[in-house]
Protein backbone atom coordinates (compact mmCIF):
# COMPACT_ATOMS: atom_id res chain seq x y z
CA MET A 1 91.30 106.35 123.22
CA ALA A 2 94.35 107.00 120.84
CA THR A 3 95.42 108.67 118.06
CA LEU A 4 97.39 106.86 115.25
CA PHE A 5 99.32 108.54 112.45
CA VAL A 6 100.67 107.70 109.18
CA GLU A 7 102.67 109.77 107.01
CA GLN A 8 102.55 109.57 103.04
CA ILE A 9 99.70 107.10 103.18
CA SER A 10 98.94 107.89 99.01
CA VAL A 11 100.02 110.15 96.53
CA VAL A 12 97.06 111.96 94.83
CA ASP A 13 98.36 112.37 90.96
CA CYS A 14 95.34 114.62 89.78
CA ALA A 15 94.27 117.83 87.31
CA LEU A 16 92.35 120.62 88.62
CA LEU A 17 90.37 123.91 87.19
CA ASP A 18 91.96 127.21 88.19
CA ALA A 19 90.45 130.69 87.57
CA GLU A 20 93.77 132.32 87.22
CA ALA A 21 96.42 129.77 85.47
CA GLY A 22 93.37 127.16 84.19
CA LEU A 23 94.18 123.67 83.95
CA LEU A 24 96.97 122.72 86.63
CA GLY A 25 98.54 118.93 86.96
CA ALA A 26 98.98 118.46 90.87
CA SER A 27 100.56 115.81 93.32
CA TRP A 28 99.89 115.86 97.22
CA ILE A 29 100.99 113.97 99.58
CA VAL A 30 98.22 112.63 101.77
CA ASP A 31 98.87 112.33 105.78
CA ALA A 32 96.58 110.45 108.08
CA GLU A 33 95.47 110.33 111.73
CA LEU A 34 93.30 108.01 113.13
CA GLU A 35 91.65 108.38 116.61
CA GLY A 36 89.84 105.26 118.13
CA ASP A 37 89.92 102.74 121.41
CA LEU A 38 92.49 100.23 121.89
CA ASP A 39 91.51 96.82 120.64
CA ARG A 40 92.27 93.46 122.32
CA GLN A 41 95.96 94.07 120.69
CA GLY A 42 96.12 97.08 122.13
CA MET A 43 96.06 98.58 118.40
CA VAL A 44 93.64 101.47 117.31
CA GLU A 45 94.13 99.73 113.92
CA ASP A 46 96.82 97.67 112.12
CA PHE A 47 98.88 99.88 110.05
CA GLY A 48 99.16 97.11 106.91
CA PRO A 49 95.04 96.97 106.11
CA LEU A 50 94.67 100.38 107.07
CA LYS A 51 96.85 101.97 104.63
CA ARG A 52 95.45 99.73 101.91
CA ARG A 53 92.02 100.60 102.43
CA LEU A 54 92.47 104.42 102.59
CA LYS A 55 94.65 104.15 99.76
CA GLN A 56 91.98 102.34 97.73
CA ALA A 57 89.21 104.74 98.63
CA LEU A 58 91.51 108.01 97.88
CA ASP A 59 92.44 106.26 95.00
CA ALA A 60 88.61 106.28 93.67
CA LEU A 61 87.65 109.28 95.10
CA VAL A 62 90.06 111.36 93.58
CA ASP A 63 93.52 109.80 91.80
CA HIS A 64 93.88 110.44 88.33
CA ARG A 65 90.84 112.28 87.46
CA LEU A 66 90.29 115.90 86.95
CA LEU A 67 89.01 118.04 89.88
CA VAL A 68 86.04 120.77 89.12
CA PRO A 69 85.27 123.44 91.89
CA ARG A 70 81.18 123.20 91.45
CA ARG A 71 80.38 126.83 92.86
CA HIS A 72 82.64 128.63 90.42
CA PRO A 73 80.70 131.21 88.62
CA GLY A 74 82.47 130.05 85.11
CA LEU A 75 81.58 126.51 85.61
CA TRP A 76 78.72 125.11 83.31
CA LEU A 77 78.69 121.11 83.87
CA ALA A 78 76.11 118.73 82.43
CA GLN A 79 75.50 114.84 82.10
CA HIS A 80 73.92 113.50 79.13
CA ASP A 81 73.94 109.70 78.01
CA GLY A 82 76.60 108.67 80.58
CA ARG A 83 78.94 111.25 79.53
CA LEU A 84 79.74 114.55 81.59
CA ALA A 85 80.35 117.87 79.79
CA LEU A 86 81.71 120.86 81.13
CA HIS A 87 83.08 124.15 80.10
CA PHE A 88 85.12 126.50 82.36
CA ASP A 89 85.62 130.27 82.01
CA GLY A 90 87.71 132.24 84.20
CA PRO A 91 91.05 132.12 83.00
CA VAL A 92 93.02 134.65 81.05
CA ASP A 93 94.25 132.87 78.35
CA GLY A 94 90.87 131.23 77.46
CA ALA A 95 88.04 128.76 78.24
CA ILE A 96 88.58 124.92 79.19
CA GLU A 97 85.91 122.39 77.84
CA HIS A 98 86.16 118.68 78.65
CA HIS A 99 83.69 115.58 77.71
CA SER A 100 84.76 112.34 79.63
CA PRO A 101 82.87 109.54 81.31
CA PRO A 102 81.79 110.85 84.86
CA ALA A 103 84.48 108.56 86.47
CA ALA A 104 87.13 110.79 85.11
CA VAL A 105 86.00 113.87 87.15
CA ALA A 106 85.39 114.75 90.60
CA VAL A 107 83.10 117.72 91.24
CA LEU A 108 83.48 119.80 94.42
CA ASP A 109 81.15 121.78 96.49
CA ALA A 110 83.57 124.88 96.35
CA GLU A 111 84.64 127.72 94.28
CA ARG A 112 87.94 127.29 94.48
CA ILE A 113 90.46 123.49 94.30
CA ASP A 114 93.22 123.74 96.87
CA ALA A 115 94.73 121.22 99.40
CA GLY A 116 91.74 122.58 102.29
CA THR A 117 89.21 121.92 100.07
CA LEU A 118 90.02 118.55 98.50
CA THR A 119 90.73 117.64 102.45
CA GLU A 120 87.38 118.46 103.43
CA TYR A 121 85.86 116.33 99.99
CA LEU A 122 88.02 113.50 101.14
CA GLN A 123 87.12 113.64 104.96
CA ALA A 124 83.61 113.48 104.40
CA ARG A 125 83.32 110.59 102.20
CA LEU A 126 85.95 108.56 103.98
CA ALA A 127 83.27 109.26 107.10
CA LEU A 128 80.49 107.11 104.92
CA GLN A 129 82.41 104.38 104.25
CA ASP A 130 81.79 100.63 105.97
CA PRO A 131 83.58 100.49 108.33
CA PRO A 132 83.42 104.07 109.35
CA THR A 133 86.44 106.44 109.30
CA ALA A 134 84.51 109.55 111.02
CA ARG A 135 87.56 110.10 113.23
CA LEU A 136 89.64 110.66 110.79
CA ARG A 137 91.93 113.41 110.02
CA LEU A 138 93.89 114.21 106.48
CA GLN A 139 96.77 116.47 105.75
CA LEU A 140 97.20 117.16 102.40
CA ARG A 141 100.88 118.54 101.21
CA ALA A 142 102.70 119.44 98.44
CA GLU A 143 106.26 117.42 98.39
CA ALA A 144 108.85 120.05 98.89
CA ILE A 145 111.01 120.10 96.30
CA ASP A 146 114.83 122.19 96.40
CA GLY A 147 115.17 122.87 92.42
CA ALA A 148 113.27 122.65 89.47
CA ALA A 149 109.63 121.43 88.94
CA TYR A 150 106.57 121.76 86.74
CA ARG A 151 103.01 121.01 86.51
CA TYR A 152 101.56 119.23 83.87
CA VAL A 153 98.21 117.74 82.45
CA HIS A 154 98.13 114.54 80.14
CA GLY A 155 96.41 111.52 79.14
CA LEU A 156 97.68 108.20 77.71
CA ARG A 157 95.37 106.82 74.90
CA GLN A 158 96.73 102.82 75.07
CA HIS A 159 97.00 102.93 79.12
CA ASP A 160 94.72 100.31 80.53
CA GLY A 161 94.09 102.00 83.64
CA PRO A 162 92.88 105.37 84.95
CA CYS A 163 96.04 107.15 83.15
CA GLN A 164 93.64 107.25 79.99
CA ARG A 165 92.01 110.06 81.27
CA ILE A 166 92.37 113.17 78.76
CA ALA A 167 93.14 115.33 81.86
CA HIS A 168 95.23 113.95 84.67
CA GLY A 169 98.89 115.64 86.08
CA HIS A 170 101.15 115.61 88.21
CA ARG A 171 103.75 118.40 90.04
CA SER A 172 107.17 116.82 89.68
CA ARG A 173 110.47 117.55 90.35
CA LEU A 174 113.42 117.93 87.36
CA SER A 175 116.87 116.87 88.23
CA ILE A 176 119.90 116.94 85.57
CA TRP A 177 123.76 116.05 85.73
CA THR A 178 126.28 117.53 83.27
CA ASP A 179 128.98 115.33 83.14
CA GLY A 180 128.20 114.25 86.61
CA GLN A 181 127.72 117.61 88.20
CA ARG A 182 124.25 119.15 88.88
CA ASP A 183 123.07 121.68 86.27
CA ARG A 184 120.77 123.73 88.11
CA ARG A 185 120.32 126.17 85.42
CA LEU A 186 119.63 123.86 82.77
CA GLU A 187 116.87 122.12 85.12
CA THR A 188 115.14 125.23 85.81
CA GLY A 189 115.16 126.14 81.80
CA LEU A 190 113.81 122.94 80.60
CA ALA A 191 111.07 123.04 83.81
CA LYS A 192 109.65 125.95 82.49
CA ALA A 193 108.93 125.37 79.24
CA TRP A 194 106.24 122.35 80.59
CA HIS A 195 105.09 124.30 83.36
CA ARG A 196 101.54 124.88 83.83
CA ARG A 197 101.24 123.11 80.23
CA TYR A 198 99.08 120.26 78.73
CA LEU A 199 101.14 117.53 77.22
CA GLY A 200 99.49 116.34 74.17
CA ARG A 201 100.51 113.89 71.72
CA ARG A 202 99.91 115.50 68.21
CA ASP A 203 98.40 112.27 67.08
CA ASP A 204 95.27 112.95 69.67
CA LEU A 205 94.89 116.75 67.96
CA LEU A 206 91.47 117.01 66.37
CA HIS A 207 91.03 120.49 65.32
CA ALA A 208 93.30 123.42 65.78
CA ALA A 209 91.81 127.19 65.08
CA GLY A 210 91.50 130.37 66.77
CA GLY A 211 94.61 129.97 69.08
CA ARG A 212 92.74 126.72 70.31
CA LEU A 213 93.72 123.45 70.52
CA ARG A 214 91.17 120.18 70.91
CA PHE A 215 92.29 116.94 71.48
CA GLY A 216 89.93 113.70 71.66
CA TYR A 217 90.46 109.66 71.32
CA ARG A 218 88.35 106.81 72.29
CA ALA A 219 90.37 104.21 75.30
CA GLY A 220 88.83 101.66 77.23
CA GLU A 221 86.73 103.85 79.53
CA GLY A 222 85.20 105.54 76.66
CA ALA A 223 85.70 108.98 74.62
CA PHE A 224 87.44 111.72 75.86
CA GLU A 225 87.60 115.24 74.56
CA LEU A 226 89.74 118.34 75.72
CA GLU A 227 89.87 122.06 74.11
CA LEU A 228 91.83 124.68 75.47
CA PRO A 229 94.08 127.15 74.68
CA ALA A 230 96.73 126.88 72.43
CA SER A 231 99.32 128.79 74.53
CA ARG A 232 98.81 126.01 77.43
CA CYS A 233 100.08 123.38 75.19
CA ALA A 234 103.22 121.54 73.87
CA LEU A 235 102.63 119.19 70.95
CA LEU A 236 104.95 116.01 71.46
CA ASP A 237 105.26 113.41 69.00
CA ALA A 238 104.78 110.00 70.93
CA PRO A 239 102.76 109.17 74.12
CA THR A 240 103.26 111.12 76.74
CA THR A 241 105.00 108.43 79.06
CA VAL A 242 107.38 109.62 81.67
CA GLU A 243 109.91 107.16 79.97
CA ASN A 244 109.06 109.56 76.91
CA LEU A 245 109.17 112.75 78.48
CA ALA A 246 112.55 111.87 80.28
CA ALA A 247 113.99 110.87 76.89
CA LEU A 248 113.04 113.84 75.12
CA LEU A 249 114.12 116.24 78.12
CA ALA A 250 117.93 114.89 77.60
CA ALA A 251 117.59 115.43 73.54
CA GLN A 252 116.86 118.84 74.56
CA ALA A 253 119.35 119.35 77.01
CA ALA A 254 122.30 118.09 74.59
CA PRO A 255 122.50 120.57 71.87
CA LEU A 256 122.67 123.08 75.26
CA ARG A 257 125.71 121.37 76.76
CA PRO A 258 127.60 120.44 73.40
CA GLY A 259 130.44 117.88 73.91
CA ARG A 260 129.04 116.63 77.39
CA ARG A 261 127.03 113.78 78.79
CA VAL A 262 123.34 114.69 79.85
CA ARG A 263 121.89 112.45 82.50
CA VAL A 264 118.06 113.38 83.32
CA ARG A 265 116.12 112.12 85.99
CA ALA A 266 112.42 113.27 85.13
CA TYR A 267 109.61 112.65 87.73
CA GLU A 268 105.96 111.98 87.54
CA GLY A 269 104.49 113.44 90.55
CA VAL A 270 106.49 111.82 93.82
CA GLN A 271 109.36 109.37 94.19
CA LYS A 272 108.74 107.93 91.02
CA GLY A 273 109.84 109.06 87.04
CA ALA A 274 112.40 107.61 84.65
CA VAL A 275 116.18 108.18 83.90
CA ALA A 276 117.75 109.10 80.07
CA GLU A 277 120.90 109.88 78.59
CA ALA A 278 122.51 112.13 75.93
CA GLY A 279 125.68 113.24 74.34
CA PRO A 280 129.38 111.83 74.43
CA VAL A 281 129.77 108.54 76.93
CA GLN A 282 132.28 108.95 79.48
CA GLY A 283 131.11 106.97 82.44
CA ALA A 284 128.62 105.87 84.49
CA PHE A 285 127.51 109.14 87.28
CA SER A 286 126.22 109.01 90.48
């Protein structure tokens, strides 16, 4: 018997419902260990096929979904005519309402969503797959970020893939340079404005009243709607792609550093994102 390990086999980008914070974006790095007998090649399993198989399974189960704690007392959940509706009470700012095709949601048998409950959920389902991975151990961890970060939720109506789902999210770092020097103070200030926020496109806003906003649209997978407290939202005039987010952050940063060149490196989850610049051109930066 031997044990194989693969670090960062995938990254799960999702949103979750939290009793205190409400709607949160999350990005978890997934590491894996697989115990088994050696085959004729002297391997437990070939790294390439193992990584592809597990990543495909993880993506299908939870990536770009809204994770819902079934046992939370403030949850109401119903499915009708091929659509899933939920109402979530508990957050101090106000309730959250979500309507979508079932594929946009993952319901966990837990009172709270965290790395531990999600690990249990994933391992139980992977053990049932063919071929079975009963001797698989997963570890979920957040990226170690030295500096500013923010957790946001969004949806991309025009996206062909799972990003079209109205409530998926990310935990993302933010790096900013002014005139080639790292500007941690600016990073912290700009990241704070979008931390624990739903980044909604103004064109997707259906209704605003009583301190609440309701967003909705139809995409390739079906119809989506999301209602939540206005205090937990930021309205944007363009699709909330990371390219547009980086450009907007650069535009917000430039007036705070007049006469200086600002370079923004905005992440979408782990190890991917976009770069944008604003201000006077003063040459290339590292």
